[in-house]
Amino acid sequence: MAEPTTTTSNRPKWRRTLEALVRGDDPRFGRKFDLIICVLIVISVIALTIESMPGLPPWLYTALRIEEAFVVVVFTFEYIVRLLAAERPRKYIFSFWGMIDLVAVLPFYIGLGTDLRSVRAFRLLRLLRLLKLFRHMRAAEHLMTAFKRVSDELVVFAGMALLLLYLSAVGIYYFEHEAQPEAFASIPHSLWWSVVTLTTVGYGDIFPVTFGGRVFTFFVLLVGLGVVAVPTGLVASALTQERWHNKGETDDDEQAN
């Protein structure tokens, strides 16, 4: 006999209440909860920026430390609430958003017993808190859905783009190596030129000087326009489809009411 499955209605009321809170569906506190988290994320990023300024007075540095501790306490509370509200806590812990929520507070607790001033890259993990903003934005949900719609096409295009990067690096290496042995010392060295050219950034730090290299660069630039335009078009088309899909659902709901 099959085991009974756990549905939302069978869950304890307090778990359903917490779930409504973190999802923003709670009529009294859902929106306020989202707003508080978003404001604290912005404050945290501003504080991180101010910390980088030289010559801060001691009182401001102390205020920033207090701010960071307060933000971490709130984010830790949010993490625990989401963990308790999750239907499958283990799945939440190892999910994308679960990992982001954990990384948002982990550097602070590790830093309590370790001097992280020499490991600035670790402290920069606090910037990942910006990703938490997307969870609280309705428009971000549409964007994520649009990416999922064209994920297969984007993966194929990414593979083609990597292949083009390599082929362009090989081509420019053979055209320019003899004329510029330092700038195009090897195919790996030429990859930087390929990235800059195919993305149409064009820093101008290295450039072809031979006739063949310039002609080759012309064709690479034409391909580079597609490298930038195609993914943009795919996502834009998917966003349009998602918008019309949501509009159709809204119209159906209004007619039903």
C-alpha atoms as a PDB file:
ATOM      1  CA  MET A   1       0.000   0.000   0.000  1.00  0.00           C
ATOM      2  CA  ALA A   2       1.378   3.410  -0.915  1.00  0.00           C
ATOM      3  CA  GLU A   3       2.457   5.701   1.888  1.00  0.00           C
ATOM      4  CA  PRO A   4       0.283   8.776   2.382  1.00  0.00           C
ATOM      5  CA  THR A   5       1.817  11.971   1.059  1.00  0.00           C
ATOM      6  CA  THR A   6       2.132  15.091   3.164  1.00  0.00           C
ATOM      7  CA  THR A   7       0.063  17.978   1.813  1.00  0.00           C
ATOM      8  CA  THR A   8       0.044  21.594   2.818  1.00  0.00           C
ATOM      9  CA  SER A   9      -3.299  21.206   4.603  1.00  0.00           C
ATOM     10  CA  ASN A  10      -1.895  18.424   6.811  1.00  0.00           C
ATOM     11  CA  ARG A  11       0.954  20.582   8.026  1.00  0.00           C
ATOM     12  CA  PRO A  12       0.713  22.276  11.431  1.00  0.00           C
ATOM     13  CA  LYS A  13      -0.949  25.648  11.406  1.00  0.00           C
ATOM     14  CA  TRP A  14       2.137  27.412  12.751  1.00  0.00           C
ATOM     15  CA  ARG A  15       4.197  26.047   9.852  1.00  0.00           C
ATOM     16  CA  ARG A  16       1.622  27.278   7.353  1.00  0.00           C
ATOM     17  CA  THR A  17       1.658  30.673   9.071  1.00  0.00           C
ATOM     18  CA  LEU A  18       5.441  30.890   8.798  1.00  0.00           C
ATOM     19  CA  GLU A  19       5.308  29.826   5.162  1.00  0.00           C
ATOM     20  CA  ALA A  20       2.776  32.549   4.376  1.00  0.00           C
ATOM     21  CA  LEU A  21       5.030  35.062   6.139  1.00  0.00           C
ATOM     22  CA  VAL A  22       8.221  34.249   4.224  1.00  0.00           C
ATOM     23  CA  ARG A  23       6.328  33.979   0.932  1.00  0.00           C
ATOM     24  CA  GLY A  24       4.819  37.420   1.464  1.00  0.00           C
ATOM     25  CA  ASP A  25       1.275  36.026   1.422  1.00  0.00           C
ATOM     26  CA  ASP A  26       0.433  36.831   5.038  1.00  0.00           C
ATOM     27  CA  PRO A  27      -2.177  39.652   4.912  1.00  0.00           C
ATOM     28  CA  ARG A  28      -0.827  41.431   7.996  1.00  0.00           C
ATOM     29  CA  PHE A  29       2.916  40.927   8.039  1.00  0.00           C
ATOM     30  CA  GLY A  30       3.886  39.438   4.656  1.00  0.00           C
ATOM     31  CA  ARG A  31       4.590  42.723   2.862  1.00  0.00           C
ATOM     32  CA  LYS A  32       6.208  44.238   5.935  1.00  0.00           C
ATOM     33  CA  PHE A  33       8.510  41.233   6.268  1.00  0.00           C
ATOM     34  CA  ASP A  34       9.608  41.589   2.620  1.00  0.00           C
ATOM     35  CA  LEU A  35      10.133  45.331   3.014  1.00  0.00           C
ATOM     36  CA  ILE A  36      12.268  44.942   6.157  1.00  0.00           C
ATOM     37  CA  ILE A  37      14.525  42.362   4.518  1.00  0.00           C
ATOM     38  CA  CYS A  38      14.951  44.480   1.371  1.00  0.00           C
ATOM     39  CA  VAL A  39      15.786  47.610   3.375  1.00  0.00           C
ATOM     40  CA  LEU A  40      18.354  45.735   5.467  1.00  0.00           C
ATOM     41  CA  ILE A  41      19.995  44.327   2.333  1.00  0.00           C
ATOM     42  CA  VAL A  42      20.411  47.825   0.907  1.00  0.00           C
ATOM     43  CA  ILE A  43      21.710  49.162   4.236  1.00  0.00           C
ATOM     44  CA  SER A  44      24.200  46.298   4.448  1.00  0.00           C
ATOM     45  CA  VAL A  45      25.598  47.014   0.987  1.00  0.00           C
ATOM     46  CA  ILE A  46      25.867  50.743   1.726  1.00  0.00           C
ATOM     47  CA  ALA A  47      27.702  49.947   4.972  1.00  0.00           C
ATOM     48  CA  LEU A  48      30.125  47.673   3.122  1.00  0.00           C
ATOM     49  CA  THR A  49      30.872  50.551   0.755  1.00  0.00           C
ATOM     50  CA  ILE A  50      31.465  53.012   3.588  1.00  0.00           C
ATOM     51  CA  GLU A  51      33.826  50.541   5.295  1.00  0.00           C
ATOM     52  CA  SER A  52      36.184  50.779   2.325  1.00  0.00           C
ATOM     53  CA  MET A  53      36.691  54.524   2.853  1.00  0.00           C
ATOM     54  CA  PRO A  54      39.982  55.506   4.530  1.00  0.00           C
ATOM     55  CA  GLY A  55      40.195  57.564   7.692  1.00  0.00           C
ATOM     56  CA  LEU A  56      36.878  56.598   9.237  1.00  0.00           C
ATOM     57  CA  PRO A  57      36.336  58.041  12.735  1.00  0.00           C
ATOM     58  CA  PRO A  58      36.174  55.441  15.532  1.00  0.00           C
ATOM     59  CA  TRP A  59      32.504  56.162  16.286  1.00  0.00           C
ATOM     60  CA  LEU A  60      31.489  55.469  12.683  1.00  0.00           C
ATOM     61  CA  TYR A  61      33.471  52.250  12.575  1.00  0.00           C
ATOM     62  CA  THR A  62      31.722  51.159  15.800  1.00  0.00           C
ATOM     63  CA  ALA A  63      28.336  52.080  14.330  1.00  0.00           C
ATOM     64  CA  LEU A  64      29.081  49.987  11.252  1.00  0.00           C
ATOM     65  CA  ARG A  65      29.996  47.007  13.444  1.00  0.00           C
ATOM     66  CA  ILE A  66      26.728  47.366  15.361  1.00  0.00           C
ATOM     67  CA  GLU A  67      24.795  47.663  12.088  1.00  0.00           C
ATOM     68  CA  GLU A  68      26.398  44.503  10.735  1.00  0.00           C
ATOM     69  CA  ALA A  69      25.606  42.573  13.912  1.00  0.00           C
ATOM     70  CA  PHE A  70      21.974  43.721  13.825  1.00  0.00           C
ATOM     71  CA  VAL A  71      21.574  42.802  10.141  1.00  0.00           C
ATOM     72  CA  VAL A  72      23.100  39.369  10.725  1.00  0.00           C
ATOM     73  CA  VAL A  73      20.751  38.706  13.647  1.00  0.00           C
ATOM     74  CA  VAL A  74      17.727  39.550  11.484  1.00  0.00           C
ATOM     75  CA  PHE A  75      19.008  37.472   8.564  1.00  0.00           C
ATOM     76  CA  THR A  76      19.714  34.570  10.918  1.00  0.00           C
ATOM     77  CA  PHE A  77      16.159  34.819  12.208  1.00  0.00           C
ATOM     78  CA  GLU A  78      14.910  34.828   8.613  1.00  0.00           C
ATOM     79  CA  TYR A  79      17.006  31.730   7.820  1.00  0.00           C
ATOM     80  CA  ILE A  80      15.600  29.856  10.828  1.00  0.00           C
ATOM     81  CA  VAL A  81      12.028  30.878   9.960  1.00  0.00           C
ATOM     82  CA  ARG A  82      12.444  29.695   6.372  1.00  0.00           C
ATOM     83  CA  LEU A  83      13.957  26.458   7.626  1.00  0.00           C
ATOM     84  CA  LEU A  84      11.014  25.837   9.956  1.00  0.00           C
ATOM     85  CA  ALA A  85       8.505  26.780   7.263  1.00  0.00           C
ATOM     86  CA  ALA A  86      10.026  24.528   4.614  1.00  0.00           C
ATOM     87  CA  GLU A  87       8.077  21.392   3.819  1.00  0.00           C
ATOM     88  CA  ARG A  88      11.386  19.590   3.350  1.00  0.00           C
ATOM     89  CA  PRO A  89      14.063  21.432   5.389  1.00  0.00           C
ATOM     90  CA  ARG A  90      16.949  19.427   3.916  1.00  0.00           C
ATOM     91  CA  LYS A  91      15.921  20.423   0.411  1.00  0.00           C
ATOM     92  CA  TYR A  92      15.796  24.084   1.433  1.00  0.00           C
ATOM     93  CA  ILE A  93      19.255  23.943   3.042  1.00  0.00           C
ATOM     94  CA  PHE A  94      20.876  22.693  -0.157  1.00  0.00           C
ATOM     95  CA  SER A  95      18.761  24.776  -2.528  1.00  0.00           C
ATOM     96  CA  PHE A  96      20.104  27.862  -4.304  1.00  0.00           C
ATOM     97  CA  TRP A  97      18.237  30.303  -2.070  1.00  0.00           C
ATOM     98  CA  GLY A  98      19.054  28.291   1.033  1.00  0.00           C
ATOM     99  CA  MET A  99      22.771  28.529   0.271  1.00  0.00           C
ATOM    100  CA  ILE A 100      22.462  32.271  -0.395  1.00  0.00           C
ATOM    101  CA  ASP A 101      20.684  32.765   2.940  1.00  0.00           C
ATOM    102  CA  LEU A 102      23.433  30.840   4.718  1.00  0.00           C
ATOM    103  CA  VAL A 103      26.290  32.677   3.004  1.00  0.00           C
ATOM    104  CA  ALA A 104      24.625  35.978   3.920  1.00  0.00           C
ATOM    105  CA  VAL A 105      25.369  35.360   7.606  1.00  0.00           C
ATOM    106  CA  LEU A 106      28.207  32.828   7.651  1.00  0.00           C
ATOM    107  CA  PRO A 107      31.149  35.274   7.221  1.00  0.00           C
ATOM    108  CA  PHE A 108      30.058  37.203  10.302  1.00  0.00           C
ATOM    109  CA  TYR A 109      29.972  34.169  12.586  1.00  0.00           C
ATOM    110  CA  ILE A 110      33.261  32.818  11.280  1.00  0.00           C
ATOM    111  CA  GLY A 111      34.792  36.265  11.736  1.00  0.00           C
ATOM    112  CA  LEU A 112      33.931  36.251  15.439  1.00  0.00           C
ATOM    113  CA  GLY A 113      36.805  33.852  16.075  1.00  0.00           C
ATOM    114  CA  THR A 114      39.001  34.646  13.083  1.00  0.00           C
ATOM    115  CA  ASP A 115      40.657  37.793  11.821  1.00  0.00           C
ATOM    116  CA  LEU A 116      39.285  38.075   8.287  1.00  0.00           C
ATOM    117  CA  ARG A 117      40.996  41.360   7.488  1.00  0.00           C
ATOM    118  CA  SER A 118      43.647  39.426   5.586  1.00  0.00           C
ATOM    119  CA  VAL A 119      40.974  37.465   3.695  1.00  0.00           C
ATOM    120  CA  ARG A 120      39.010  40.310   2.121  1.00  0.00           C
ATOM    121  CA  ALA A 121      37.597  38.072  -0.594  1.00  0.00           C
ATOM    122  CA  PHE A 122      35.776  36.073   2.081  1.00  0.00           C
ATOM    123  CA  ARG A 123      34.219  39.214   3.490  1.00  0.00           C
ATOM    124  CA  LEU A 124      33.032  40.142   0.013  1.00  0.00           C
ATOM    125  CA  LEU A 125      30.646  37.201   0.236  1.00  0.00           C
ATOM    126  CA  ARG A 126      28.388  39.708   1.968  1.00  0.00           C
ATOM    127  CA  LEU A 127      27.709  41.128  -1.481  1.00  0.00           C
ATOM    128  CA  LEU A 128      25.736  37.969  -2.245  1.00  0.00           C
ATOM    129  CA  ARG A 129      23.040  39.457  -0.042  1.00  0.00           C
ATOM    130  CA  LEU A 130      22.074  41.485  -3.093  1.00  0.00           C
ATOM    131  CA  LEU A 131      20.799  38.259  -4.638  1.00  0.00           C
ATOM    132  CA  LYS A 132      18.288  38.025  -1.809  1.00  0.00           C
ATOM    133  CA  LEU A 133      16.557  41.065  -3.278  1.00  0.00           C
ATOM    134  CA  PHE A 134      15.480  39.019  -6.292  1.00  0.00           C
ATOM    135  CA  ARG A 135      13.488  36.695  -4.052  1.00  0.00           C
ATOM    136  CA  HIS A 136      11.352  39.628  -2.919  1.00  0.00           C
ATOM    137  CA  MET A 137      10.744  41.073  -6.392  1.00  0.00           C
ATOM    138  CA  ARG A 138       7.781  39.859  -8.410  1.00  0.00           C
ATOM    139  CA  ALA A 139       9.444  40.978 -11.635  1.00  0.00           C
ATOM    140  CA  ALA A 140      12.468  38.812 -10.811  1.00  0.00           C
ATOM    141  CA  GLU A 141      10.186  35.756 -10.785  1.00  0.00           C
ATOM    142  CA  HIS A 142       9.140  36.535 -14.350  1.00  0.00           C
ATOM    143  CA  LEU A 143      12.789  36.947 -15.348  1.00  0.00           C
ATOM    144  CA  MET A 144      13.745  33.602 -13.832  1.00  0.00           C
ATOM    145  CA  THR A 145      10.827  31.937 -15.590  1.00  0.00           C
ATOM    146  CA  ALA A 146      11.911  33.497 -18.876  1.00  0.00           C
ATOM    147  CA  PHE A 147      15.428  32.142 -18.427  1.00  0.00           C
ATOM    148  CA  LYS A 148      13.992  28.684 -17.771  1.00  0.00           C
ATOM    149  CA  ARG A 149      11.927  28.894 -20.967  1.00  0.00           C
ATOM    150  CA  VAL A 150      15.042  29.396 -23.091  1.00  0.00           C
ATOM    151  CA  SER A 151      17.556  27.566 -20.910  1.00  0.00           C
ATOM    152  CA  ASP A 152      18.210  24.874 -23.527  1.00  0.00           C
ATOM    153  CA  GLU A 153      18.826  27.450 -26.253  1.00  0.00           C
ATOM    154  CA  LEU A 154      21.099  29.483 -23.969  1.00  0.00           C
ATOM    155  CA  VAL A 155      23.168  26.402 -23.100  1.00  0.00           C
ATOM    156  CA  VAL A 156      23.636  25.563 -26.784  1.00  0.00           C
ATOM    157  CA  PHE A 157      24.518  29.166 -27.571  1.00  0.00           C
ATOM    158  CA  ALA A 158      26.980  29.317 -24.667  1.00  0.00           C
ATOM    159  CA  GLY A 159      28.746  26.248 -26.060  1.00  0.00           C
ATOM    160  CA  MET A 160      28.938  27.842 -29.495  1.00  0.00           C
ATOM    161  CA  ALA A 161      30.242  31.086 -27.986  1.00  0.00           C
ATOM    162  CA  LEU A 162      33.029  29.242 -26.160  1.00  0.00           C
ATOM    163  CA  LEU A 163      33.959  27.472 -29.397  1.00  0.00           C
ATOM    164  CA  LEU A 164      34.061  30.789 -31.247  1.00  0.00           C
ATOM    165  CA  LEU A 165      36.244  32.282 -28.504  1.00  0.00           C
ATOM    166  CA  TYR A 166      38.753  29.491 -28.924  1.00  0.00           C
ATOM    167  CA  LEU A 167      38.735  29.566 -32.724  1.00  0.00           C
ATOM    168  CA  SER A 168      39.200  33.337 -32.805  1.00  0.00           C
ATOM    169  CA  ALA A 169      42.091  33.057 -30.342  1.00  0.00           C
ATOM    170  CA  VAL A 170      43.751  30.442 -32.548  1.00  0.00           C
ATOM    171  CA  GLY A 171      43.208  32.539 -35.670  1.00  0.00           C
ATOM    172  CA  ILE A 172      44.574  35.806 -34.284  1.00  0.00           C
ATOM    173  CA  TYR A 173      47.533  33.965 -32.778  1.00  0.00           C
ATOM    174  CA  TYR A 174      48.653  32.682 -36.163  1.00  0.00           C
ATOM    175  CA  PHE A 175      48.095  36.066 -37.805  1.00  0.00           C
ATOM    176  CA  GLU A 176      49.779  38.224 -35.154  1.00  0.00           C
ATOM    177  CA  HIS A 177      52.294  36.064 -33.279  1.00  0.00           C
ATOM    178  CA  GLU A 178      55.283  36.924 -35.456  1.00  0.00           C
ATOM    179  CA  ALA A 179      54.462  40.644 -35.589  1.00  0.00           C
ATOM    180  CA  GLN A 180      53.633  40.928 -31.872  1.00  0.00           C
ATOM    181  CA  PRO A 181      55.292  38.047 -30.013  1.00  0.00           C
ATOM    182  CA  GLU A 182      54.722  39.635 -26.606  1.00  0.00           C
ATOM    183  CA  ALA A 183      51.043  40.560 -26.993  1.00  0.00           C
ATOM    184  CA  PHE A 184      50.126  37.288 -28.725  1.00  0.00           C
ATOM    185  CA  ALA A 185      52.659  35.000 -27.082  1.00  0.00           C
ATOM    186  CA  SER A 186      50.409  31.940 -27.167  1.00  0.00           C
ATOM    187  CA  ILE A 187      46.839  30.850 -27.803  1.00  0.00           C
ATOM    188  CA  PRO A 188      45.934  31.234 -24.093  1.00  0.00           C
ATOM    189  CA  HIS A 189      47.338  34.782 -24.199  1.00  0.00           C
ATOM    190  CA  SER A 190      45.216  35.468 -27.286  1.00  0.00           C
ATOM    191  CA  LEU A 191      42.034  34.423 -25.477  1.00  0.00           C
ATOM    192  CA  TRP A 192      41.934  37.818 -23.753  1.00  0.00           C
ATOM    193  CA  TRP A 193      41.815  39.519 -27.153  1.00  0.00           C
ATOM    194  CA  SER A 194      39.049  37.112 -28.216  1.00  0.00           C
ATOM    195  CA  VAL A 195      36.899  37.904 -25.180  1.00  0.00           C
ATOM    196  CA  VAL A 196      37.321  41.667 -25.583  1.00  0.00           C
ATOM    197  CA  THR A 197      36.626  41.555 -29.323  1.00  0.00           C
ATOM    198  CA  LEU A 198      33.723  39.095 -29.404  1.00  0.00           C
ATOM    199  CA  THR A 199      31.919  40.972 -26.639  1.00  0.00           C
ATOM    200  CA  THR A 200      32.514  44.211 -28.616  1.00  0.00           C
ATOM    201  CA  VAL A 201      34.110  45.848 -25.555  1.00  0.00           C
ATOM    202  CA  GLY A 202      37.296  46.819 -27.368  1.00  0.00           C
ATOM    203  CA  TYR A 203      39.658  48.033 -24.641  1.00  0.00           C
ATOM    204  CA  GLY A 204      42.379  48.669 -27.210  1.00  0.00           C
ATOM    205  CA  ASP A 205      45.191  47.316 -25.040  1.00  0.00           C
ATOM    206  CA  ILE A 206      46.118  44.768 -27.734  1.00  0.00           C
ATOM    207  CA  PHE A 207      45.090  44.964 -31.383  1.00  0.00           C
ATOM    208  CA  PRO A 208      46.142  43.494 -34.729  1.00  0.00           C
ATOM    209  CA  VAL A 209      48.748  45.291 -36.856  1.00  0.00           C
ATOM    210  CA  THR A 210      49.004  42.914 -39.823  1.00  0.00           C
ATOM    211  CA  PHE A 211      46.693  43.044 -42.826  1.00  0.00           C
ATOM    212  CA  GLY A 212      45.534  39.469 -42.277  1.00  0.00           C
ATOM    213  CA  GLY A 213      44.926  40.107 -38.578  1.00  0.00           C
ATOM    214  CA  ARG A 214      42.804  43.160 -39.324  1.00  0.00           C
ATOM    215  CA  VAL A 215      40.677  41.330 -41.907  1.00  0.00           C
ATOM    216  CA  PHE A 216      40.250  38.453 -39.460  1.00  0.00           C
ATOM    217  CA  THR A 217      39.249  40.933 -36.738  1.00  0.00           C
ATOM    218  CA  PHE A 218      36.601  42.413 -39.043  1.00  0.00           C
ATOM    219  CA  PHE A 219      34.863  39.050 -39.349  1.00  0.00           C
ATOM    220  CA  VAL A 220      35.261  38.355 -35.640  1.00  0.00           C
ATOM    221  CA  LEU A 221      33.534  41.663 -34.863  1.00  0.00           C
ATOM    222  CA  LEU A 222      30.610  40.712 -37.112  1.00  0.00           C
ATOM    223  CA  VAL A 223      30.257  37.448 -35.203  1.00  0.00           C
ATOM    224  CA  GLY A 224      30.599  39.362 -31.932  1.00  0.00           C
ATOM    225  CA  LEU A 225      27.451  41.335 -32.682  1.00  0.00           C
ATOM    226  CA  GLY A 226      25.555  38.054 -32.727  1.00  0.00           C
ATOM    227  CA  VAL A 227      27.206  36.917 -29.502  1.00  0.00           C
ATOM    228  CA  VAL A 228      25.681  39.920 -27.750  1.00  0.00           C
ATOM    229  CA  ALA A 229      22.388  40.142 -29.653  1.00  0.00           C
ATOM    230  CA  VAL A 230      21.194  36.534 -29.789  1.00  0.00           C
ATOM    231  CA  PRO A 231      20.960  35.837 -26.005  1.00  0.00           C
ATOM    232  CA  THR A 232      19.347  39.237 -25.500  1.00  0.00           C
ATOM    233  CA  GLY A 233      16.728  38.451 -28.139  1.00  0.00           C
ATOM    234  CA  LEU A 234      16.028  35.012 -26.679  1.00  0.00           C
ATOM    235  CA  VAL A 235      15.445  36.372 -23.177  1.00  0.00           C
ATOM    236  CA  ALA A 236      13.402  39.336 -24.455  1.00  0.00           C
ATOM    237  CA  SER A 237      11.146  37.001 -26.443  1.00  0.00           C
ATOM    238  CA  ALA A 238      10.713  34.714 -23.425  1.00  0.00           C
ATOM    239  CA  LEU A 239       9.848  37.699 -21.211  1.00  0.00           C
ATOM    240  CA  THR A 240       7.189  38.779 -23.708  1.00  0.00           C
ATOM    241  CA  GLN A 241       5.690  35.288 -23.707  1.00  0.00           C
ATOM    242  CA  GLU A 242       5.719  35.211 -19.913  1.00  0.00           C
ATOM    243  CA  ARG A 243       4.019  38.600 -19.754  1.00  0.00           C
ATOM    244  CA  TRP A 244       1.208  37.528 -22.104  1.00  0.00           C
ATOM    245  CA  HIS A 245       0.856  34.247 -20.229  1.00  0.00           C
ATOM    246  CA  ASN A 246       0.413  36.053 -16.910  1.00  0.00           C
ATOM    247  CA  LYS A 247      -1.952  38.553 -18.486  1.00  0.00           C
ATOM    248  CA  GLY A 248      -4.071  35.696 -19.821  1.00  0.00           C
ATOM    249  CA  GLU A 249      -4.238  34.090 -16.379  1.00  0.00           C
ATOM    250  CA  THR A 250      -5.222  37.415 -14.804  1.00  0.00           C
ATOM    251  CA  ASP A 251      -7.990  37.926 -17.369  1.00  0.00           C
ATOM    252  CA  ASP A 252      -9.292  34.400 -16.733  1.00  0.00           C
ATOM    253  CA  ASP A 253      -9.355  35.036 -12.968  1.00  0.00           C
ATOM    254  CA  GLU A 254     -11.251  38.302 -13.457  1.00  0.00           C
ATOM    255  CA  GLN A 255     -13.809  36.590 -15.686  1.00  0.00           C
ATOM    256  CA  ALA A 256     -14.217  33.786 -13.158  1.00  0.00           C
ATOM    257  CA  ASN A 257     -14.891  36.330 -10.410  1.00  0.00           C
END
